[in-house]
Amino acid sequence: MKVLNTKQTQHVAGGLFVYPIMWFLEELVIAGLKDLFRGDLEDLGRIENRPVGTRP
C-alpha cells in the first residue's frame, strides 16, 4: 500500500473540504431551476415593490 506524502495529503484534505460545499451549491441551483420551470418563483417586481413591513 502506498503512503501519501505531505502534498498529496493536503490535496485529499482540500478535496474533502471543497466537495460538500460544491455539492450544496449544486443542490441549490438544481432546486432553483426546478422552481423556475414549474413557475413557482415570484415575480421579482412583485417582491421588490411590496409595501414596507410586509414579507412575501
Protein backbone atom coordinates (compact mmCIF):
# COMPACT_ATOMS: atom_id res chain seq x y z
CA MET A 1 0.00 0.00 0.00
CA LYS A 2 1.34 3.44 -0.96
CA VAL A 3 1.93 6.05 1.73
CA LEU A 4 0.92 9.58 0.74
CA ASN A 5 3.40 12.38 1.09
CA THR A 6 2.51 15.75 2.63
CA LYS A 7 1.48 17.42 -0.62
CA GLN A 8 -0.79 14.53 -1.60
CA THR A 9 -2.36 14.53 1.86
CA GLN A 10 -3.12 18.24 1.53
CA HIS A 11 -4.79 17.63 -1.84
CA VAL A 12 -7.01 14.92 -0.37
CA ALA A 13 -7.93 17.05 2.65
CA GLY A 14 -8.69 20.04 0.42
CA GLY A 15 -10.92 17.92 -1.80
CA LEU A 16 -12.81 16.59 1.20
CA PHE A 17 -13.36 20.18 2.36
CA VAL A 18 -14.46 21.60 -1.01
CA TYR A 19 -16.68 18.72 -2.17
CA PRO A 20 -19.54 19.20 0.36
CA ILE A 21 -19.65 22.94 -0.38
CA MET A 22 -19.85 22.32 -4.13
CA TRP A 23 -22.50 19.63 -3.62
CA PHE A 24 -24.63 22.01 -1.52
CA LEU A 25 -24.38 24.81 -4.09
CA GLU A 26 -25.26 22.36 -6.87
CA GLU A 27 -28.37 21.26 -4.98
CA LEU A 28 -29.44 24.90 -4.54
CA VAL A 29 -29.05 25.58 -8.26
CA ILE A 30 -30.98 22.43 -9.20
CA ALA A 31 -33.80 23.32 -6.78
CA GLY A 32 -33.94 26.86 -8.19
CA LEU A 33 -34.12 25.59 -11.76
CA LYS A 34 -36.91 23.18 -10.85
CA ASP A 35 -38.90 26.03 -9.28
CA LEU A 36 -38.21 28.21 -12.31
CA PHE A 37 -39.53 25.63 -14.77
CA ARG A 38 -42.56 24.83 -12.62
CA GLY A 39 -43.37 28.52 -12.34
CA ASP A 40 -43.19 28.60 -8.54
CA LEU A 41 -40.90 31.62 -8.42
CA GLU A 42 -42.37 35.01 -7.54
CA ASP A 43 -42.00 37.90 -9.96
CA LEU A 44 -39.03 39.99 -8.90
CA GLY A 45 -41.02 43.20 -9.36
CA ARG A 46 -43.78 41.99 -7.05
CA ILE A 47 -41.28 41.12 -4.35
CA GLU A 48 -39.36 44.41 -4.59
CA ASN A 49 -42.42 46.67 -4.81
CA ARG A 50 -44.20 45.33 -1.74
CA PRO A 51 -45.31 47.76 0.99
CA VAL A 52 -42.96 48.44 3.91
CA GLY A 53 -43.29 45.98 6.78
CA THR A 54 -44.68 43.11 4.72
CA ARG A 55 -42.99 39.87 3.84
CA PRO A 56 -43.60 37.66 0.80
